[in-house]
Amino acid sequence: MTIVAILRELGSGGNAIAAADERRLSVWQRFNEERRRYLIFIEAAYLSFAERGNVVTAGRGGPFFLREVGHAVKVKLMAPFDVRIRRVMGRDRVDKKTAAARVQAYHRDLCGRIDYLFGLDWTQPENYDFVINTQDDAWPFYTDLLVAAARHPRYQPTPESLQKIHDLSLAAQVRAAISAAPVTQHLHLEVTACAGRVALKGAVFSPATLDAAAETAGRVPGVIQVTCEAVAISSIDPGPIM
């Protein structure tokens, strides 16, 4: 099953959200509700896929979703600018100037997308376990290197790391369920999970709304208990009109 298929199962409008993950979004979209919903549903779909184990994913912000998962091997493949230009020239059969423009546009769009979704710089090596320079086109070597790393004891799942990804995934599924429900879709709640026990925390205008969120969370498969901590927000008194 693909991540887009999982997005559809979550009731998120998978095609639109998946498309947002693949393009640069305008500056104005940084400040609207769409960004929050994009990230909620993409994270839920990605973690649902990743927690199955023995999977390789490319793109979709995987290294950023899996930062807390110790057995996940997070890799960035890169190449010098001139090498990338040469590859685009050969692949697309274009001249050097056109190829350079395409490489620059791709880099700009990718930076914009990752910054939009995560507020992070995808080029920073500290975000990865390995950064591999592919300028020599030694693809069998790169593959062998990563396979050896994945098989190393350092990256073998432990009960703790498996529990971590299950907890992250369950919390993400709960956030997606709350965001998909008409009554609670605009709530901004912090959701954490630990071995099936889910905690909701956030500011709400009505206790009934938080109750609805807790009820929605309780219906997510794998949830065995829901607790809530809320700061009630009363209606704002505008004061005397001058």
C-alpha atoms as a PDB file:
ATOM      1  CA  MET A   1       0.000   0.000   0.000  1.00  0.00           C
ATOM      2  CA  THR A   2       1.311   3.453  -0.884  1.00  0.00           C
ATOM      3  CA  ILE A   3       1.359   6.508   1.338  1.00  0.00           C
ATOM      4  CA  VAL A   4      -1.244   8.177  -0.895  1.00  0.00           C
ATOM      5  CA  ALA A   5      -3.546   5.159  -0.421  1.00  0.00           C
ATOM      6  CA  ILE A   6      -3.156   5.458   3.340  1.00  0.00           C
ATOM      7  CA  LEU A   7      -4.006   9.152   3.079  1.00  0.00           C
ATOM      8  CA  ARG A   8      -7.273   8.230   1.364  1.00  0.00           C
ATOM      9  CA  GLU A   9      -8.060   5.752   4.149  1.00  0.00           C
ATOM     10  CA  LEU A  10      -7.564   8.522   6.672  1.00  0.00           C
ATOM     11  CA  GLY A  11     -10.213  10.547   4.871  1.00  0.00           C
ATOM     12  CA  SER A  12      -7.809  13.362   4.139  1.00  0.00           C
ATOM     13  CA  GLY A  13      -8.185  13.857   0.423  1.00  0.00           C
ATOM     14  CA  GLY A  14      -4.999  11.993  -0.348  1.00  0.00           C
ATOM     15  CA  ASN A  15      -4.300  13.330  -3.824  1.00  0.00           C
ATOM     16  CA  ALA A  16      -4.392  16.976  -2.796  1.00  0.00           C
ATOM     17  CA  ILE A  17      -2.253  16.457   0.298  1.00  0.00           C
ATOM     18  CA  ALA A  18       0.246  14.264  -1.501  1.00  0.00           C
ATOM     19  CA  ALA A  19       0.539  16.888  -4.215  1.00  0.00           C
ATOM     20  CA  ALA A  20       1.282  19.541  -1.608  1.00  0.00           C
ATOM     21  CA  ASP A  21       4.176  17.435  -0.393  1.00  0.00           C
ATOM     22  CA  GLU A  22       5.623  17.425  -3.913  1.00  0.00           C
ATOM     23  CA  ARG A  23       5.567  21.115  -4.747  1.00  0.00           C
ATOM     24  CA  ARG A  24       6.692  24.416  -3.356  1.00  0.00           C
ATOM     25  CA  LEU A  25       3.875  26.285  -1.655  1.00  0.00           C
ATOM     26  CA  SER A  26       3.448  30.036  -1.592  1.00  0.00           C
ATOM     27  CA  VAL A  27       4.564  32.221   1.291  1.00  0.00           C
ATOM     28  CA  TRP A  28       0.959  32.953   2.191  1.00  0.00           C
ATOM     29  CA  GLN A  29       0.157  29.277   2.611  1.00  0.00           C
ATOM     30  CA  ARG A  30       2.619  29.119   5.484  1.00  0.00           C
ATOM     31  CA  PHE A  31       0.105  30.939   7.652  1.00  0.00           C
ATOM     32  CA  ASN A  32      -3.114  29.086   6.916  1.00  0.00           C
ATOM     33  CA  GLU A  33      -4.832  25.994   8.195  1.00  0.00           C
ATOM     34  CA  GLU A  34      -3.794  23.906   5.204  1.00  0.00           C
ATOM     35  CA  ARG A  35      -0.187  23.602   6.338  1.00  0.00           C
ATOM     36  CA  ARG A  36      -1.204  22.081   9.659  1.00  0.00           C
ATOM     37  CA  ARG A  37      -3.536  19.608   8.004  1.00  0.00           C
ATOM     38  CA  TYR A  38      -0.971  18.652   5.342  1.00  0.00           C
ATOM     39  CA  LEU A  39       1.568  17.791   7.991  1.00  0.00           C
ATOM     40  CA  ILE A  40      -0.896  15.922  10.203  1.00  0.00           C
ATOM     41  CA  PHE A  41      -2.091  13.613   7.437  1.00  0.00           C
ATOM     42  CA  ILE A  42       1.279  13.105   5.781  1.00  0.00           C
ATOM     43  CA  GLU A  43       2.844  12.221   9.132  1.00  0.00           C
ATOM     44  CA  ALA A  44       0.054   9.769   9.974  1.00  0.00           C
ATOM     45  CA  ALA A  45       0.309   8.061   6.595  1.00  0.00           C
ATOM     46  CA  TYR A  46       4.096   7.931   6.636  1.00  0.00           C
ATOM     47  CA  LEU A  47       4.387   6.513  10.155  1.00  0.00           C
ATOM     48  CA  SER A  48       1.635   3.983   9.482  1.00  0.00           C
ATOM     49  CA  PHE A  49       3.763   2.771   6.583  1.00  0.00           C
ATOM     50  CA  ALA A  50       7.126   2.957   8.365  1.00  0.00           C
ATOM     51  CA  GLU A  51       6.134   1.149  11.550  1.00  0.00           C
ATOM     52  CA  ARG A  52       5.601  -2.060   9.581  1.00  0.00           C
ATOM     53  CA  GLY A  53       9.391  -2.381   9.458  1.00  0.00           C
ATOM     54  CA  ASN A  54      11.771  -3.618   6.762  1.00  0.00           C
ATOM     55  CA  VAL A  55      10.798  -0.785   4.442  1.00  0.00           C
ATOM     56  CA  VAL A  56      12.753   1.712   2.382  1.00  0.00           C
ATOM     57  CA  THR A  57      11.178   5.087   1.716  1.00  0.00           C
ATOM     58  CA  ALA A  58      12.304   8.036  -0.372  1.00  0.00           C
ATOM     59  CA  GLY A  59      11.115  11.569   0.152  1.00  0.00           C
ATOM     60  CA  ARG A  60       8.004  12.466   2.134  1.00  0.00           C
ATOM     61  CA  GLY A  61      10.173  13.932   4.903  1.00  0.00           C
ATOM     62  CA  GLY A  62      11.048  10.515   6.306  1.00  0.00           C
ATOM     63  CA  PRO A  63      14.234  11.504   8.164  1.00  0.00           C
ATOM     64  CA  PHE A  64      12.332  14.266   9.947  1.00  0.00           C
ATOM     65  CA  PHE A  65       9.407  12.063  10.993  1.00  0.00           C
ATOM     66  CA  LEU A  66      11.816   9.391  12.265  1.00  0.00           C
ATOM     67  CA  ARG A  67      14.244  11.556  14.204  1.00  0.00           C
ATOM     68  CA  GLU A  68      13.342   9.841  17.488  1.00  0.00           C
ATOM     69  CA  VAL A  69      13.498   6.279  16.106  1.00  0.00           C
ATOM     70  CA  GLY A  70      16.929   4.834  16.829  1.00  0.00           C
ATOM     71  CA  HIS A  71      16.876   1.908  14.392  1.00  0.00           C
ATOM     72  CA  ALA A  72      15.857   4.015  11.375  1.00  0.00           C
ATOM     73  CA  VAL A  73      18.766   4.687   9.001  1.00  0.00           C
ATOM     74  CA  LYS A  74      18.391   8.260   7.793  1.00  0.00           C
ATOM     75  CA  VAL A  75      20.311   8.962   4.581  1.00  0.00           C
ATOM     76  CA  LYS A  76      20.832  11.929   2.299  1.00  0.00           C
ATOM     77  CA  LEU A  77      22.164  11.362  -1.222  1.00  0.00           C
ATOM     78  CA  MET A  78      23.843  14.345  -2.840  1.00  0.00           C
ATOM     79  CA  ALA A  79      26.134  15.279  -5.705  1.00  0.00           C
ATOM     80  CA  PRO A  80      28.092  18.401  -6.680  1.00  0.00           C
ATOM     81  CA  PHE A  81      26.228  20.976  -8.724  1.00  0.00           C
ATOM     82  CA  ASP A  82      28.181  20.317 -11.922  1.00  0.00           C
ATOM     83  CA  VAL A  83      27.550  16.583 -11.653  1.00  0.00           C
ATOM     84  CA  ARG A  84      23.828  17.152 -11.280  1.00  0.00           C
ATOM     85  CA  ILE A  85      23.834  19.424 -14.326  1.00  0.00           C
ATOM     86  CA  ARG A  86      25.602  16.766 -16.377  1.00  0.00           C
ATOM     87  CA  ARG A  87      23.086  14.126 -15.323  1.00  0.00           C
ATOM     88  CA  VAL A  88      20.112  16.304 -16.233  1.00  0.00           C
ATOM     89  CA  MET A  89      21.671  17.092 -19.603  1.00  0.00           C
ATOM     90  CA  GLY A  90      21.973  13.366 -20.335  1.00  0.00           C
ATOM     91  CA  ARG A  91      18.575  12.407 -18.963  1.00  0.00           C
ATOM     92  CA  ASP A  92      16.520  15.225 -20.483  1.00  0.00           C
ATOM     93  CA  ARG A  93      18.686  15.829 -23.574  1.00  0.00           C
ATOM     94  CA  VAL A  94      18.947  19.581 -22.917  1.00  0.00           C
ATOM     95  CA  ASP A  95      21.798  22.072 -23.066  1.00  0.00           C
ATOM     96  CA  LYS A  96      23.885  23.067 -20.069  1.00  0.00           C
ATOM     97  CA  LYS A  97      22.045  26.336 -19.408  1.00  0.00           C
ATOM     98  CA  THR A  98      18.644  24.647 -19.367  1.00  0.00           C
ATOM     99  CA  ALA A  99      19.933  21.821 -17.184  1.00  0.00           C
ATOM    100  CA  ALA A 100      21.441  24.288 -14.695  1.00  0.00           C
ATOM    101  CA  ALA A 101      18.128  26.142 -14.447  1.00  0.00           C
ATOM    102  CA  ARG A 102      16.270  22.889 -13.776  1.00  0.00           C
ATOM    103  CA  VAL A 103      18.726  21.820 -11.090  1.00  0.00           C
ATOM    104  CA  GLN A 104      18.471  25.208  -9.396  1.00  0.00           C
ATOM    105  CA  ALA A 105      14.669  25.158  -9.562  1.00  0.00           C
ATOM    106  CA  TYR A 106      14.512  21.657  -8.095  1.00  0.00           C
ATOM    107  CA  HIS A 107      16.838  22.635  -5.236  1.00  0.00           C
ATOM    108  CA  ARG A 108      14.845  25.787  -4.538  1.00  0.00           C
ATOM    109  CA  ASP A 109      11.524  23.938  -4.589  1.00  0.00           C
ATOM    110  CA  LEU A 110      12.785  21.149  -2.337  1.00  0.00           C
ATOM    111  CA  CYS A 111      14.166  23.633   0.184  1.00  0.00           C
ATOM    112  CA  GLY A 112      10.837  25.479   0.128  1.00  0.00           C
ATOM    113  CA  ARG A 113       8.804  22.309   0.629  1.00  0.00           C
ATOM    114  CA  ILE A 114      10.851  20.991   3.574  1.00  0.00           C
ATOM    115  CA  ASP A 115      10.947  24.414   5.195  1.00  0.00           C
ATOM    116  CA  TYR A 116       7.180  24.767   4.662  1.00  0.00           C
ATOM    117  CA  LEU A 117       6.362  21.416   6.233  1.00  0.00           C
ATOM    118  CA  PHE A 118       9.014  21.097   8.935  1.00  0.00           C
ATOM    119  CA  GLY A 119      10.696  24.455   9.394  1.00  0.00           C
ATOM    120  CA  LEU A 120      14.044  22.718   8.839  1.00  0.00           C
ATOM    121  CA  ASP A 121      16.958  22.967   6.437  1.00  0.00           C
ATOM    122  CA  TRP A 122      17.129  19.646   4.582  1.00  0.00           C
ATOM    123  CA  THR A 123      20.704  20.336   3.468  1.00  0.00           C
ATOM    124  CA  GLN A 124      22.177  20.215   6.984  1.00  0.00           C
ATOM    125  CA  PRO A 125      24.137  16.959   7.519  1.00  0.00           C
ATOM    126  CA  GLU A 126      23.199  16.744  11.201  1.00  0.00           C
ATOM    127  CA  ASN A 127      19.670  15.787  10.130  1.00  0.00           C
ATOM    128  CA  TYR A 128      20.953  12.426   8.795  1.00  0.00           C
ATOM    129  CA  ASP A 129      22.989   9.396   9.845  1.00  0.00           C
ATOM    130  CA  PHE A 130      24.781   9.251   6.496  1.00  0.00           C
ATOM    131  CA  VAL A 131      25.392  11.748   3.722  1.00  0.00           C
ATOM    132  CA  ILE A 132      26.682  10.058   0.548  1.00  0.00           C
ATOM    133  CA  ASN A 133      28.346  11.924  -2.289  1.00  0.00           C
ATOM    134  CA  THR A 134      27.254  10.115  -5.468  1.00  0.00           C
ATOM    135  CA  GLN A 135      29.510  11.967  -7.905  1.00  0.00           C
ATOM    136  CA  ASP A 136      31.335   8.755  -8.930  1.00  0.00           C
ATOM    137  CA  ASP A 137      28.110   6.946  -9.928  1.00  0.00           C
ATOM    138  CA  ALA A 138      29.277   3.948  -7.884  1.00  0.00           C
ATOM    139  CA  TRP A 139      25.731   2.795  -7.194  1.00  0.00           C
ATOM    140  CA  PRO A 140      26.520  -0.845  -6.291  1.00  0.00           C
ATOM    141  CA  PHE A 141      28.982   0.468  -3.702  1.00  0.00           C
ATOM    142  CA  TYR A 142      26.477   2.938  -2.259  1.00  0.00           C
ATOM    143  CA  THR A 143      23.889   0.165  -2.040  1.00  0.00           C
ATOM    144  CA  ASP A 144      26.304  -2.243  -0.341  1.00  0.00           C
ATOM    145  CA  LEU A 145      27.310   0.480   2.101  1.00  0.00           C
ATOM    146  CA  LEU A 146      23.735   1.185   3.157  1.00  0.00           C
ATOM    147  CA  VAL A 147      22.796  -2.478   3.367  1.00  0.00           C
ATOM    148  CA  ALA A 148      25.804  -3.079   5.615  1.00  0.00           C
ATOM    149  CA  ALA A 149      24.785  -0.138   7.791  1.00  0.00           C
ATOM    150  CA  ALA A 150      21.198  -1.348   8.064  1.00  0.00           C
ATOM    151  CA  ARG A 151      22.444  -4.790   9.151  1.00  0.00           C
ATOM    152  CA  HIS A 152      24.830  -3.405  11.755  1.00  0.00           C
ATOM    153  CA  PRO A 153      23.872  -3.937  15.414  1.00  0.00           C
ATOM    154  CA  ARG A 154      23.670  -0.156  15.771  1.00  0.00           C
ATOM    155  CA  TYR A 155      20.538  -0.129  13.618  1.00  0.00           C
ATOM    156  CA  GLN A 156      18.779  -3.252  14.830  1.00  0.00           C
ATOM    157  CA  PRO A 157      15.356  -2.672  16.386  1.00  0.00           C
ATOM    158  CA  THR A 158      15.139  -2.850  20.154  1.00  0.00           C
ATOM    159  CA  PRO A 159      11.973  -3.151  22.248  1.00  0.00           C
ATOM    160  CA  GLU A 160      12.411   0.522  23.125  1.00  0.00           C
ATOM    161  CA  SER A 161      12.856   1.743  19.543  1.00  0.00           C
ATOM    162  CA  LEU A 162       9.942  -0.371  18.309  1.00  0.00           C
ATOM    163  CA  GLN A 163       7.747   1.032  21.064  1.00  0.00           C
ATOM    164  CA  LYS A 164       8.837   4.531  20.115  1.00  0.00           C
ATOM    165  CA  ILE A 165       7.727   4.210  16.496  1.00  0.00           C
ATOM    166  CA  HIS A 166       4.459   2.563  17.551  1.00  0.00           C
ATOM    167  CA  ASP A 167       3.813   5.425  19.985  1.00  0.00           C
ATOM    168  CA  LEU A 168       4.651   8.061  17.365  1.00  0.00           C
ATOM    169  CA  SER A 169       2.409   6.357  14.830  1.00  0.00           C
ATOM    170  CA  LEU A 170      -0.526   5.999  17.224  1.00  0.00           C
ATOM    171  CA  ALA A 171      -0.291   9.657  18.233  1.00  0.00           C
ATOM    172  CA  ALA A 172      -0.209  10.610  14.549  1.00  0.00           C
ATOM    173  CA  GLN A 173      -3.283   8.459  13.789  1.00  0.00           C
ATOM    174  CA  VAL A 174      -5.161  10.150  16.632  1.00  0.00           C
ATOM    175  CA  ARG A 175      -4.207  13.619  15.366  1.00  0.00           C
ATOM    176  CA  ALA A 176      -5.394  12.635  11.887  1.00  0.00           C
ATOM    177  CA  ALA A 177      -8.696  11.273  13.213  1.00  0.00           C
ATOM    178  CA  ILE A 178      -9.340  14.451  15.194  1.00  0.00           C
ATOM    179  CA  SER A 179      -8.416  16.606  12.191  1.00  0.00           C
ATOM    180  CA  ALA A 180     -10.725  14.584   9.907  1.00  0.00           C
ATOM    181  CA  ALA A 181     -13.777  14.849  12.179  1.00  0.00           C
ATOM    182  CA  PRO A 182     -15.985  17.874  11.349  1.00  0.00           C
ATOM    183  CA  VAL A 183     -16.583  18.806  14.997  1.00  0.00           C
ATOM    184  CA  THR A 184     -12.910  18.750  15.994  1.00  0.00           C
ATOM    185  CA  GLN A 185     -11.013  19.417  12.783  1.00  0.00           C
ATOM    186  CA  HIS A 186      -9.915  22.909  13.802  1.00  0.00           C
ATOM    187  CA  LEU A 187      -8.653  21.969  17.257  1.00  0.00           C
ATOM    188  CA  HIS A 188      -4.934  22.464  17.825  1.00  0.00           C
ATOM    189  CA  LEU A 189      -4.131  19.742  20.321  1.00  0.00           C
ATOM    190  CA  GLU A 190      -0.861  18.241  21.457  1.00  0.00           C
ATOM    191  CA  VAL A 191      -1.197  14.454  21.230  1.00  0.00           C
ATOM    192  CA  THR A 192       1.190  11.975  22.818  1.00  0.00           C
ATOM    193  CA  ALA A 193       0.945   8.198  23.128  1.00  0.00           C
ATOM    194  CA  CYS A 194       2.612   5.613  25.330  1.00  0.00           C
ATOM    195  CA  ALA A 195       1.790   1.920  24.959  1.00  0.00           C
ATOM    196  CA  GLY A 196      -1.794   2.616  23.891  1.00  0.00           C
ATOM    197  CA  ARG A 197      -2.425   5.392  26.405  1.00  0.00           C
ATOM    198  CA  VAL A 198      -3.100   8.682  24.663  1.00  0.00           C
ATOM    199  CA  ALA A 199      -2.939  12.139  26.200  1.00  0.00           C
ATOM    200  CA  LEU A 200      -4.604  15.201  24.661  1.00  0.00           C
ATOM    201  CA  LYS A 201      -3.528  18.659  25.697  1.00  0.00           C
ATOM    202  CA  GLY A 202      -4.519  22.067  24.413  1.00  0.00           C
ATOM    203  CA  ALA A 203      -6.674  25.151  24.635  1.00  0.00           C
ATOM    204  CA  VAL A 204     -10.374  24.798  23.816  1.00  0.00           C
ATOM    205  CA  PHE A 205     -13.376  27.087  23.846  1.00  0.00           C
ATOM    206  CA  SER A 206     -15.725  24.407  25.106  1.00  0.00           C
ATOM    207  CA  PRO A 207     -15.229  21.299  27.271  1.00  0.00           C
ATOM    208  CA  ALA A 208     -17.735  19.572  24.997  1.00  0.00           C
ATOM    209  CA  THR A 209     -15.351  19.997  22.071  1.00  0.00           C
ATOM    210  CA  LEU A 210     -12.540  18.350  24.008  1.00  0.00           C
ATOM    211  CA  ASP A 211     -14.915  15.553  24.984  1.00  0.00           C
ATOM    212  CA  ALA A 212     -15.647  15.040  21.285  1.00  0.00           C
ATOM    213  CA  ALA A 213     -11.915  14.886  20.570  1.00  0.00           C
ATOM    214  CA  ALA A 214     -11.433  12.319  23.331  1.00  0.00           C
ATOM    215  CA  GLU A 215     -14.295  10.245  21.947  1.00  0.00           C
ATOM    216  CA  THR A 216     -12.767  10.382  18.465  1.00  0.00           C
ATOM    217  CA  ALA A 217      -9.353   9.412  19.846  1.00  0.00           C
ATOM    218  CA  GLY A 218     -10.845   6.471  21.715  1.00  0.00           C
ATOM    219  CA  ARG A 219     -12.131   4.980  18.467  1.00  0.00           C
ATOM    220  CA  VAL A 220      -8.662   4.842  16.868  1.00  0.00           C
ATOM    221  CA  PRO A 221      -7.424   1.225  16.745  1.00  0.00           C
ATOM    222  CA  GLY A 222      -4.753   0.626  19.367  1.00  0.00           C
ATOM    223  CA  VAL A 223      -5.952   3.260  21.839  1.00  0.00           C
ATOM    224  CA  ILE A 224      -6.742   1.776  25.243  1.00  0.00           C
ATOM    225  CA  GLN A 225      -7.046   4.947  27.311  1.00  0.00           C
ATOM    226  CA  VAL A 226      -7.483   8.676  26.685  1.00  0.00           C
ATOM    227  CA  THR A 227      -6.709  11.451  29.156  1.00  0.00           C
ATOM    228  CA  CYS A 228      -7.248  15.153  28.605  1.00  0.00           C
ATOM    229  CA  GLU A 229      -5.638  18.301  29.914  1.00  0.00           C
ATOM    230  CA  ALA A 230      -7.218  21.494  28.661  1.00  0.00           C
ATOM    231  CA  VAL A 231      -7.094  25.206  29.243  1.00  0.00           C
ATOM    232  CA  ALA A 232     -10.595  26.538  28.677  1.00  0.00           C
ATOM    233  CA  ILE A 233     -10.817  29.763  26.691  1.00  0.00           C
ATOM    234  CA  SER A 234     -13.827  31.900  27.438  1.00  0.00           C
ATOM    235  CA  SER A 235     -15.412  34.239  24.931  1.00  0.00           C
ATOM    236  CA  ILE A 236     -13.447  37.453  24.634  1.00  0.00           C
ATOM    237  CA  ASP A 237     -15.152  40.526  26.013  1.00  0.00           C
ATOM    238  CA  PRO A 238     -14.433  43.330  23.556  1.00  0.00           C
ATOM    239  CA  GLY A 239     -14.993  45.943  26.275  1.00  0.00           C
ATOM    240  CA  PRO A 240     -16.750  49.243  25.791  1.00  0.00           C
ATOM    241  CA  ILE A 241     -17.043  50.514  22.243  1.00  0.00           C
ATOM    242  CA  MET A 242     -15.379  53.897  21.937  1.00  0.00           C
END
